[in-house]
C-alpha atoms as a PDB file:
ATOM      1  CA  MET A   1       0.000   0.000   0.000  1.00  0.00           C
ATOM      2  CA  PHE A   2       2.778   2.421   0.879  1.00  0.00           C
ATOM      3  CA  SER A   3       5.226   1.313  -1.839  1.00  0.00           C
ATOM      4  CA  PRO A   4       4.886   4.593  -3.858  1.00  0.00           C
ATOM      5  CA  SER A   5       6.050   6.540  -0.814  1.00  0.00           C
ATOM      6  CA  VAL A   6       9.110   4.297  -0.432  1.00  0.00           C
ATOM      7  CA  THR A   7       9.920   4.669  -4.149  1.00  0.00           C
ATOM      8  CA  ALA A   8       9.615   8.428  -3.905  1.00  0.00           C
ATOM      9  CA  ASN A   9      11.959   8.524  -0.918  1.00  0.00           C
ATOM     10  CA  THR A  10      14.468   6.345  -2.746  1.00  0.00           C
ATOM     11  CA  ALA A  11      14.285   8.521  -5.834  1.00  0.00           C
ATOM     12  CA  THR A  12      14.675  11.673  -3.733  1.00  0.00           C
ATOM     13  CA  SER A  13      17.742  10.227  -2.023  1.00  0.00           C
ATOM     14  CA  LEU A  14      19.226   9.283  -5.389  1.00  0.00           C
ATOM     15  CA  PHE A  15      18.716  12.771  -6.800  1.00  0.00           C
ATOM     16  CA  ARG A  16      20.228  14.310  -3.686  1.00  0.00           C
ATOM     17  CA  GLN A  17      23.304  12.121  -4.074  1.00  0.00           C
ATOM     18  CA  MET A  18      23.581  13.062  -7.744  1.00  0.00           C
ATOM     19  CA  ASP A  19      23.281  16.743  -6.852  1.00  0.00           C
ATOM     20  CA  LEU A  20      25.978  16.315  -4.201  1.00  0.00           C
ATOM     21  CA  ILE A  21      28.265  14.553  -6.677  1.00  0.00           C
ATOM     22  CA  TYR A  22      27.710  17.380  -9.177  1.00  0.00           C
ATOM     23  CA  HIS A  23      28.675  20.118  -6.695  1.00  0.00           C
ATOM     24  CA  ALA A  24      31.640  18.100  -5.426  1.00  0.00           C
ATOM     25  CA  ALA A  25      32.797  17.614  -9.046  1.00  0.00           C
ATOM     26  CA  VAL A  26      32.553  21.372  -9.647  1.00  0.00           C
ATOM     27  CA  ARG A  27      34.622  21.926  -6.513  1.00  0.00           C
ATOM     28  CA  HIS A  28      37.219  19.444  -7.780  1.00  0.00           C
ATOM     29  CA  VAL A  29      37.412  21.147 -11.189  1.00  0.00           C
ATOM     30  CA  ARG A  30      37.940  24.542  -9.542  1.00  0.00           C
ATOM     31  CA  LYS A  31      40.731  23.222  -7.338  1.00  0.00           C
ATOM     32  CA  SER A  32      43.365  23.813 -10.031  1.00  0.00           C
ATOM     33  CA  HIS A  33      42.245  27.407 -10.668  1.00  0.00           C
ATOM     34  CA  GLY A  34      39.498  29.671  -9.390  1.00  0.00           C
ATOM     35  CA  ASN A  35      38.557  30.605 -12.950  1.00  0.00           C
ATOM     36  CA  ALA A  36      37.167  27.550 -14.754  1.00  0.00           C
ATOM     37  CA  ILE A  37      38.072  28.919 -18.209  1.00  0.00           C
ATOM     38  CA  ILE A  38      41.693  29.545 -17.271  1.00  0.00           C
ATOM     39  CA  GLY A  39      41.903  26.104 -15.666  1.00  0.00           C
ATOM     40  CA  LEU A  40      40.612  24.512 -18.874  1.00  0.00           C
ATOM     41  CA  VAL A  41      43.061  26.518 -21.008  1.00  0.00           C
ATOM     42  CA  MET A  42      45.954  25.461 -18.768  1.00  0.00           C
ATOM     43  CA  ASN A  43      44.971  21.807 -19.088  1.00  0.00           C
ATOM     44  CA  MET A  44      44.634  22.170 -22.856  1.00  0.00           C
ATOM     45  CA  MET A  45      48.045  23.843 -23.134  1.00  0.00           C
ATOM     46  CA  GLN A  46      49.666  21.006 -21.190  1.00  0.00           C
ATOM     47  CA  THR A  47      48.139  18.563 -23.669  1.00  0.00           C
ATOM     48  CA  VAL A  48      49.335  20.631 -26.618  1.00  0.00           C
ATOM     49  CA  MET A  49      52.855  20.892 -25.190  1.00  0.00           C
ATOM     50  CA  MET A  50      53.067  17.117 -24.768  1.00  0.00           C
ATOM     51  CA  ILE A  51      51.886  16.619 -28.355  1.00  0.00           C
ATOM     52  CA  VAL A  52      54.500  19.090 -29.633  1.00  0.00           C
ATOM     53  CA  VAL A  53      57.282  17.477 -27.598  1.00  0.00           C
ATOM     54  CA  PHE A  54      56.448  13.992 -28.892  1.00  0.00           C
ATOM     55  CA  TYR A  55      56.122  15.282 -32.458  1.00  0.00           C
ATOM     56  CA  ILE A  56      59.601  16.834 -32.303  1.00  0.00           C
ATOM     57  CA  MET A  57      61.026  13.706 -30.668  1.00  0.00           C
ATOM     58  CA  TYR A  58      59.585  11.483 -33.401  1.00  0.00           C
ATOM     59  CA  LYS A  59      61.049  13.713 -36.100  1.00  0.00           C
ATOM     60  CA  VAL A  60      64.473  14.037 -34.482  1.00  0.00           C
ATOM     61  CA  LEU A  61      64.832  10.329 -33.712  1.00  0.00           C
ATOM     62  CA  GLY A  62      63.404   9.262 -37.052  1.00  0.00           C
ATOM     63  CA  LEU A  63      60.652   7.116 -35.543  1.00  0.00           C
ATOM     64  CA  THR A  64      57.991   8.124 -38.039  1.00  0.00           C
ATOM     65  CA  SER A  65      58.279   4.739 -39.755  1.00  0.00           C
ATOM     66  CA  MET A  66      56.759   3.100 -36.652  1.00  0.00           C
ATOM     67  CA  ARG A  67      53.442   4.891 -36.998  1.00  0.00           C
ATOM     68  CA  VAL A  68      50.352   3.626 -38.770  1.00  0.00           C
ATOM     69  CA  ARG A  69      49.301   4.934 -42.165  1.00  0.00           C
ATOM     70  CA  GLY A  70      47.318   8.105 -41.666  1.00  0.00           C
ATOM     71  CA  ASP A  71      47.622  11.493 -39.989  1.00  0.00           C
ATOM     72  CA  PHE A  72      50.841  11.533 -37.985  1.00  0.00           C
ATOM     73  CA  VAL A  73      49.631  14.139 -35.465  1.00  0.00           C
ATOM     74  CA  LEU A  74      46.368  12.239 -34.948  1.00  0.00           C
ATOM     75  CA  TYR A  75      48.452   9.144 -34.229  1.00  0.00           C
ATOM     76  CA  ILE A  76      50.271  11.050 -31.471  1.00  0.00           C
ATOM     77  CA  MET A  77      47.012  12.499 -30.130  1.00  0.00           C
ATOM     78  CA  SER A  78      45.413   9.057 -29.881  1.00  0.00           C
ATOM     79  CA  GLY A  79      48.105   8.028 -27.411  1.00  0.00           C
ATOM     80  CA  ILE A  80      48.428  11.318 -25.527  1.00  0.00           C
ATOM     81  CA  PHE A  81      44.698  11.773 -24.941  1.00  0.00           C
ATOM     82  CA  LEU A  82      44.189   8.321 -23.440  1.00  0.00           C
ATOM     83  CA  PHE A  83      47.399   8.517 -21.424  1.00  0.00           C
ATOM     84  CA  MET A  84      46.457  11.853 -19.854  1.00  0.00           C
ATOM     85  CA  THR A  85      42.883  10.745 -19.178  1.00  0.00           C
ATOM     86  CA  HIS A  86      44.068   7.566 -17.452  1.00  0.00           C
ATOM     87  CA  THR A  87      46.902   9.193 -15.511  1.00  0.00           C
ATOM     88  CA  ARG A  88      44.984  12.237 -14.312  1.00  0.00           C
ATOM     89  CA  THR A  89      42.012  10.141 -13.262  1.00  0.00           C
ATOM     90  CA  LEU A  90      44.312   7.805 -11.347  1.00  0.00           C
ATOM     91  CA  GLY A  91      45.942  10.742  -9.585  1.00  0.00           C
ATOM     92  CA  ALA A  92      42.628  12.447  -8.806  1.00  0.00           C
ATOM     93  CA  VAL A  93      41.007   9.300  -7.393  1.00  0.00           C
ATOM     94  CA  SER A  94      44.034   8.244  -5.347  1.00  0.00           C
ATOM     95  CA  SER A  95      44.259  11.714  -3.733  1.00  0.00           C
ATOM     96  CA  ALA A  96      40.505  12.261  -3.259  1.00  0.00           C
ATOM     97  CA  ASP A  97      39.211  13.174   0.192  1.00  0.00           C
ATOM     98  CA  GLY A  98      39.408  10.151   2.482  1.00  0.00           C
ATOM     99  CA  SER A  99      37.542   9.004   5.548  1.00  0.00           C
ATOM    100  CA  THR A 100      39.609  11.218   7.866  1.00  0.00           C
ATOM    101  CA  SER A 101      39.504  14.399   5.771  1.00  0.00           C
ATOM    102  CA  ALA A 102      37.706  17.538   6.908  1.00  0.00           C
ATOM    103  CA  MET A 103      35.102  17.224   4.133  1.00  0.00           C
ATOM    104  CA  MET A 104      33.879  13.930   5.594  1.00  0.00           C
ATOM    105  CA  LYS A 105      32.738  15.738   8.729  1.00  0.00           C
ATOM    106  CA  HIS A 106      29.768  17.044   6.746  1.00  0.00           C
ATOM    107  CA  ALA A 107      26.892  14.565   6.925  1.00  0.00           C
ATOM    108  CA  PRO A 108      26.025  14.209   3.199  1.00  0.00           C
ATOM    109  CA  MET A 109      29.620  13.506   2.187  1.00  0.00           C
ATOM    110  CA  ASN A 110      31.008   9.980   1.928  1.00  0.00           C
ATOM    111  CA  PRO A 111      34.009   8.344   0.215  1.00  0.00           C
ATOM    112  CA  ILE A 112      31.975   7.187  -2.808  1.00  0.00           C
ATOM    113  CA  VAL A 113      30.843  10.755  -3.518  1.00  0.00           C
ATOM    114  CA  SER A 114      34.433  11.943  -3.153  1.00  0.00           C
ATOM    115  CA  VAL A 115      35.753   9.341  -5.610  1.00  0.00           C
ATOM    116  CA  LEU A 116      32.977   9.835  -8.173  1.00  0.00           C
ATOM    117  CA  SER A 117      33.262  13.626  -8.084  1.00  0.00           C
ATOM    118  CA  ALA A 118      37.040  13.482  -8.590  1.00  0.00           C
ATOM    119  CA  ALA A 119      36.671  11.022 -11.485  1.00  0.00           C
ATOM    120  CA  LEU A 120      33.817  12.920 -13.176  1.00  0.00           C
ATOM    121  CA  GLY A 121      35.560  16.261 -12.754  1.00  0.00           C
ATOM    122  CA  THR A 122      38.696  14.890 -14.405  1.00  0.00           C
ATOM    123  CA  LEU A 123      36.691  13.330 -17.243  1.00  0.00           C
ATOM    124  CA  TYR A 124      34.860  16.622 -17.849  1.00  0.00           C
ATOM    125  CA  VAL A 125      38.098  18.589 -18.142  1.00  0.00           C
ATOM    126  CA  GLN A 126      39.779  15.982 -20.335  1.00  0.00           C
ATOM    127  CA  LEU A 127      36.841  15.677 -22.744  1.00  0.00           C
ATOM    128  CA  LEU A 128      36.645  19.459 -23.139  1.00  0.00           C
ATOM    129  CA  SER A 129      40.408  19.650 -23.693  1.00  0.00           C
ATOM    130  CA  MET A 130      40.301  16.857 -26.302  1.00  0.00           C
ATOM    131  CA  GLY A 131      37.406  18.494 -28.119  1.00  0.00           C
ATOM    132  CA  LEU A 132      39.097  21.893 -28.213  1.00  0.00           C
ATOM    133  CA  VAL A 133      42.469  20.513 -29.325  1.00  0.00           C
ATOM    134  CA  LEU A 134      40.883  18.401 -32.080  1.00  0.00           C
ATOM    135  CA  GLY A 135      38.698  21.311 -33.167  1.00  0.00           C
ATOM    136  CA  VAL A 136      41.578  23.781 -33.385  1.00  0.00           C
ATOM    137  CA  TYR A 137      43.782  21.266 -35.214  1.00  0.00           C
ATOM    138  CA  SER A 138      41.010  20.373 -37.658  1.00  0.00           C
ATOM    139  CA  LEU A 139      40.220  24.011 -38.469  1.00  0.00           C
ATOM    140  CA  SER A 140      43.805  25.279 -38.566  1.00  0.00           C
ATOM    141  CA  PHE A 141      45.943  22.470 -39.972  1.00  0.00           C
ATOM    142  CA  HIS A 142      44.308  19.287 -41.206  1.00  0.00           C
ATOM    143  CA  PRO A 143      40.721  17.980 -41.138  1.00  0.00           C
ATOM    144  CA  VAL A 144      40.337  15.238 -38.544  1.00  0.00           C
ATOM    145  CA  SER A 145      38.873  11.978 -39.814  1.00  0.00           C
ATOM    146  CA  ILE A 146      38.131   9.155 -37.342  1.00  0.00           C
ATOM    147  CA  ALA A 147      37.053   5.809 -38.771  1.00  0.00           C
ATOM    148  CA  ASP A 148      34.899   4.791 -35.788  1.00  0.00           C
ATOM    149  CA  PRO A 149      34.244   7.701 -33.377  1.00  0.00           C
ATOM    150  CA  VAL A 150      31.997   5.607 -31.110  1.00  0.00           C
ATOM    151  CA  GLY A 151      34.654   2.925 -30.658  1.00  0.00           C
ATOM    152  CA  ALA A 152      37.359   5.542 -30.079  1.00  0.00           C
ATOM    153  CA  MET A 153      35.245   7.259 -27.417  1.00  0.00           C
ATOM    154  CA  ALA A 154      34.583   3.881 -25.793  1.00  0.00           C
ATOM    155  CA  MET A 155      38.343   3.400 -25.442  1.00  0.00           C
ATOM    156  CA  VAL A 156      38.660   6.857 -23.862  1.00  0.00           C
ATOM    157  CA  LEU A 157      36.029   5.861 -21.306  1.00  0.00           C
ATOM    158  CA  LEU A 158      37.790   2.531 -20.757  1.00  0.00           C
ATOM    159  CA  ALA A 159      41.078   4.351 -20.063  1.00  0.00           C
ATOM    160  CA  TRP A 160      39.157   6.585 -17.638  1.00  0.00           C
ATOM    161  CA  SER A 161      37.561   3.572 -15.929  1.00  0.00           C
ATOM    162  CA  SER A 162      40.869   1.756 -15.523  1.00  0.00           C
ATOM    163  CA  GLY A 163      42.301   4.928 -13.976  1.00  0.00           C
ATOM    164  CA  ILE A 164      39.483   4.844 -11.409  1.00  0.00           C
ATOM    165  CA  GLY A 165      40.101   1.166 -10.610  1.00  0.00           C
ATOM    166  CA  ILE A 166      43.863   1.476 -10.147  1.00  0.00           C
ATOM    167  CA  GLY A 167      43.439   4.790  -8.318  1.00  0.00           C
ATOM    168  CA  LEU A 168      41.141   3.077  -5.796  1.00  0.00           C
ATOM    169  CA  LEU A 169      43.927   0.634  -4.934  1.00  0.00           C
ATOM    170  CA  PHE A 170      46.371   3.436  -4.146  1.00  0.00           C
ATOM    171  CA  ARG A 171      43.637   5.366  -2.335  1.00  0.00           C
ATOM    172  CA  ALA A 172      42.923   2.431   0.000  1.00  0.00           C
ATOM    173  CA  LEU A 173      46.641   2.182   0.791  1.00  0.00           C
ATOM    174  CA  ARG A 174      47.079   5.905   1.516  1.00  0.00           C
ATOM    175  CA  PRO A 175      45.593   6.018   5.090  1.00  0.00           C
ATOM    176  CA  TRP A 176      47.793   3.104   6.184  1.00  0.00           C
ATOM    177  CA  GLN A 177      51.042   4.154   4.485  1.00  0.00           C
ATOM    178  CA  PRO A 178      50.651   7.690   3.079  1.00  0.00           C
ATOM    179  CA  ASP A 179      54.300   8.138   2.093  1.00  0.00           C
ATOM    180  CA  LEU A 180      54.517   4.727   0.437  1.00  0.00           C
ATOM    181  CA  ALA A 181      51.207   5.277  -1.375  1.00  0.00           C
ATOM    182  CA  THR A 182      52.364   8.661  -2.689  1.00  0.00           C
ATOM    183  CA  ILE A 183      55.674   7.271  -3.934  1.00  0.00           C
ATOM    184  CA  ALA A 184      54.019   4.197  -5.482  1.00  0.00           C
ATOM    185  CA  THR A 185      51.445   6.377  -7.270  1.00  0.00           C
ATOM    186  CA  LEU A 186      54.127   8.661  -8.702  1.00  0.00           C
ATOM    187  CA  ILE A 187      56.266   5.708  -9.812  1.00  0.00           C
ATOM    188  CA  PHE A 188      53.318   4.063 -11.558  1.00  0.00           C
ATOM    189  CA  MET A 189      52.303   7.302 -13.285  1.00  0.00           C
ATOM    190  CA  ARG A 190      55.858   7.994 -14.455  1.00  0.00           C
ATOM    191  CA  ALA A 191      56.339   4.396 -15.584  1.00  0.00           C
ATOM    192  CA  ASN A 192      53.238   4.737 -17.745  1.00  0.00           C
ATOM    193  CA  MET A 193      55.078   7.344 -19.818  1.00  0.00           C
ATOM    194  CA  VAL A 194      56.794   4.354 -21.460  1.00  0.00           C
ATOM    195  CA  ALA A 195      54.739   1.346 -20.343  1.00  0.00           C
ATOM    196  CA  SER A 196      51.528   2.748 -21.849  1.00  0.00           C
ATOM    197  CA  GLY A 197      52.947   2.100 -25.313  1.00  0.00           C
ATOM    198  CA  LYS A 198      51.693   5.407 -26.687  1.00  0.00           C
ATOM    199  CA  MET A 199      54.975   5.809 -28.574  1.00  0.00           C
ATOM    200  CA  PHE A 200      54.783   2.398 -30.259  1.00  0.00           C
ATOM    201  CA  VAL A 201      52.525   0.342 -32.484  1.00  0.00           C
ATOM    202  CA  ALA A 202      51.852  -3.048 -30.922  1.00  0.00           C
ATOM    203  CA  ASN A 203      51.773  -4.824 -34.297  1.00  0.00           C
ATOM    204  CA  SER A 204      55.347  -3.704 -35.063  1.00  0.00           C
ATOM    205  CA  LEU A 205      56.903  -4.744 -31.744  1.00  0.00           C
ATOM    206  CA  PRO A 206      58.862  -8.024 -31.516  1.00  0.00           C
ATOM    207  CA  PRO A 207      57.219 -10.618 -29.228  1.00  0.00           C
ATOM    208  CA  ARG A 208      60.047 -10.362 -26.682  1.00  0.00           C
ATOM    209  CA  ILE A 209      59.620  -6.591 -26.323  1.00  0.00           C
ATOM    210  CA  ARG A 210      55.830  -6.704 -26.519  1.00  0.00           C
ATOM    211  CA  GLY A 211      55.807  -8.848 -23.390  1.00  0.00           C
ATOM    212  CA  TYR A 212      57.120  -5.898 -21.375  1.00  0.00           C
ATOM    213  CA  PHE A 213      53.995  -3.872 -22.235  1.00  0.00           C
ATOM    214  CA  SER A 214      51.179  -6.419 -22.470  1.00  0.00           C
ATOM    215  CA  TRP A 215      50.593  -6.433 -18.678  1.00  0.00           C
ATOM    216  CA  ASN A 216      49.432  -2.814 -18.805  1.00  0.00           C
ATOM    217  CA  PRO A 217      45.700  -2.315 -19.541  1.00  0.00           C
ATOM    218  CA  LEU A 218      46.450   1.150 -20.930  1.00  0.00           C
ATOM    219  CA  PHE A 219      48.724  -0.416 -23.564  1.00  0.00           C
ATOM    220  CA  HIS A 220      45.796  -2.502 -24.825  1.00  0.00           C
ATOM    221  CA  THR A 221      43.392   0.448 -24.672  1.00  0.00           C
ATOM    222  CA  ILE A 222      45.621   2.791 -26.679  1.00  0.00           C
ATOM    223  CA  ASP A 223      46.358   0.174 -29.327  1.00  0.00           C
ATOM    224  CA  GLN A 224      42.678  -0.713 -29.676  1.00  0.00           C
ATOM    225  CA  CYS A 225      41.798   2.983 -29.879  1.00  0.00           C
ATOM    226  CA  ARG A 226      44.150   3.389 -32.835  1.00  0.00           C
ATOM    227  CA  GLY A 227      42.330   0.528 -34.497  1.00  0.00           C
ATOM    228  CA  PHE A 228      39.110   2.556 -34.218  1.00  0.00           C
ATOM    229  CA  VAL A 229      40.747   5.831 -35.262  1.00  0.00           C
ATOM    230  CA  PHE A 230      42.571   4.609 -38.397  1.00  0.00           C
ATOM    231  CA  GLU A 231      41.016   2.577 -41.176  1.00  0.00           C
ATOM    232  CA  ASN A 232      44.347   1.008 -42.166  1.00  0.00           C
ATOM    233  CA  TYR A 233      45.265  -0.352 -38.739  1.00  0.00           C
ATOM    234  CA  THR A 234      43.915  -3.550 -37.182  1.00  0.00           C
ATOM    235  CA  PRO A 235      45.284  -4.531 -33.733  1.00  0.00           C
ATOM    236  CA  HIS A 236      46.387  -8.176 -33.642  1.00  0.00           C
ATOM    237  CA  PHE A 237      48.113  -8.497 -30.263  1.00  0.00           C
ATOM    238  CA  THR A 238      45.874  -6.499 -27.922  1.00  0.00           C
ATOM    239  CA  SER A 239      42.340  -6.954 -26.637  1.00  0.00           C
ATOM    240  CA  THR A 240      39.499  -4.812 -25.317  1.00  0.00           C
ATOM    241  CA  LEU A 241      38.494  -7.512 -22.839  1.00  0.00           C
ATOM    242  CA  TYR A 242      41.794  -7.529 -20.941  1.00  0.00           C
ATOM    243  CA  PRO A 243      41.516  -3.910 -19.691  1.00  0.00           C
ATOM    244  CA  VAL A 244      37.841  -4.533 -18.880  1.00  0.00           C
ATOM    245  CA  TYR A 245      38.725  -7.535 -16.700  1.00  0.00           C
ATOM    246  CA  VAL A 246      41.592  -5.668 -15.026  1.00  0.00           C
ATOM    247  CA  THR A 247      39.356  -2.665 -14.379  1.00  0.00           C
ATOM    248  CA  LEU A 248      36.606  -4.786 -12.824  1.00  0.00           C
ATOM    249  CA  ALA A 249      39.128  -6.646 -10.654  1.00  0.00           C
ATOM    250  CA  CYS A 250      40.740  -3.402  -9.468  1.00  0.00           C
ATOM    251  CA  LEU A 251      37.320  -1.868  -8.750  1.00  0.00           C
ATOM    252  CA  MET A 252      36.225  -4.842  -6.654  1.00  0.00           C
ATOM    253  CA  ILE A 253      39.501  -5.043  -4.722  1.00  0.00           C
ATOM    254  CA  GLY A 254      39.612  -1.266  -4.305  1.00  0.00           C
ATOM    255  CA  LEU A 255      36.031  -1.049  -2.999  1.00  0.00           C
ATOM    256  CA  ILE A 256      36.626  -3.900  -0.535  1.00  0.00           C
ATOM    257  CA  ALA A 257      39.853  -2.270   0.665  1.00  0.00           C
ATOM    258  CA  GLU A 258      38.125   1.131   0.902  1.00  0.00           C
ATOM    259  CA  PHE A 259      35.311  -0.364   2.992  1.00  0.00           C
ATOM    260  CA  TYR A 260      37.791  -2.082   5.300  1.00  0.00           C
ATOM    261  CA  THR A 261      39.827   1.104   5.652  1.00  0.00           C
ATOM    262  CA  SER A 262      36.754   3.215   6.426  1.00  0.00           C
ATOM    263  CA  GLN A 263      35.817   0.799   9.220  1.00  0.00           C
ATOM    264  CA  HIS A 264      39.204   1.301  10.890  1.00  0.00           C
ATOM    265  CA  ALA A 265      39.869   4.931   9.981  1.00  0.00           C
ATOM    266  CA  SER A 266      40.901   7.288  12.757  1.00  0.00           C
ATOM    267  CA  VAL A 267      41.683  10.994  12.718  1.00  0.00           C
ATOM    268  CA  SER A 268      44.682  10.259  14.970  1.00  0.00           C
ATOM    269  CA  TRP A 269      46.407   8.587  11.997  1.00  0.00           C
ATOM    270  CA  GLU A 270      47.316  11.992  10.645  1.00  0.00           C
ATOM    271  CA  MET A 271      48.428  13.496  13.962  1.00  0.00           C
ATOM    272  CA  GLY A 272      51.871  11.918  13.940  1.00  0.00           C
ATOM    273  CA  ARG A 273      52.670  13.038  10.401  1.00  0.00           C
END
């Protein structure tokens, strides 16, 4: 008899949580700069600088023969965009407000809202940056042609999701060993500069060398994304299922570890540091 009332209360609670996540995501976006436009421009310029640096490095070292047939700059962008989305999401999630932070003293806040707001805020900034960079490049230099935009966007979201999963693992470790968690996060993010495989084409790597990269879900995601971006490239040694499985495993382990940590969290942990 009273089921509609229960449904309404559940729906109201859901909308309140969504509204809270939205405002927390806005707060996360504005952390880098008080002016949202300037913050977006700064993020876009960092992306452009990385693209320029890799373009010059390719030309100087004569590595252009390793690329796939198609737009050379788009080839670089396909790796840089996914790398930055994955890395920045990982960093944002791993450093999101924890159970002992001041924000958690407010009743509506909880760790899930903190993680989701950090991840969504990062995705928002990265998608805007990618759209602006692609738009400016297409209008100013060379028209951008993507063979399968839906598949390419799916790989961007997969790189974002894997960043959330791995970031949760480092986040769960941070309250117990904050220094170790910080160092491990930085090492993993720096290692991904090479281990992500954004500078290589998986099909052209020898099996012995390819084994050093195949453990990384981002390596599979970037290579599969290039298969969706370019008509003349078909990935043979990577899979879309591997990063999905790794992401799901990391999410489950990270959520279990986060729940266990929240049950034993104490403000006194931070007093001695």
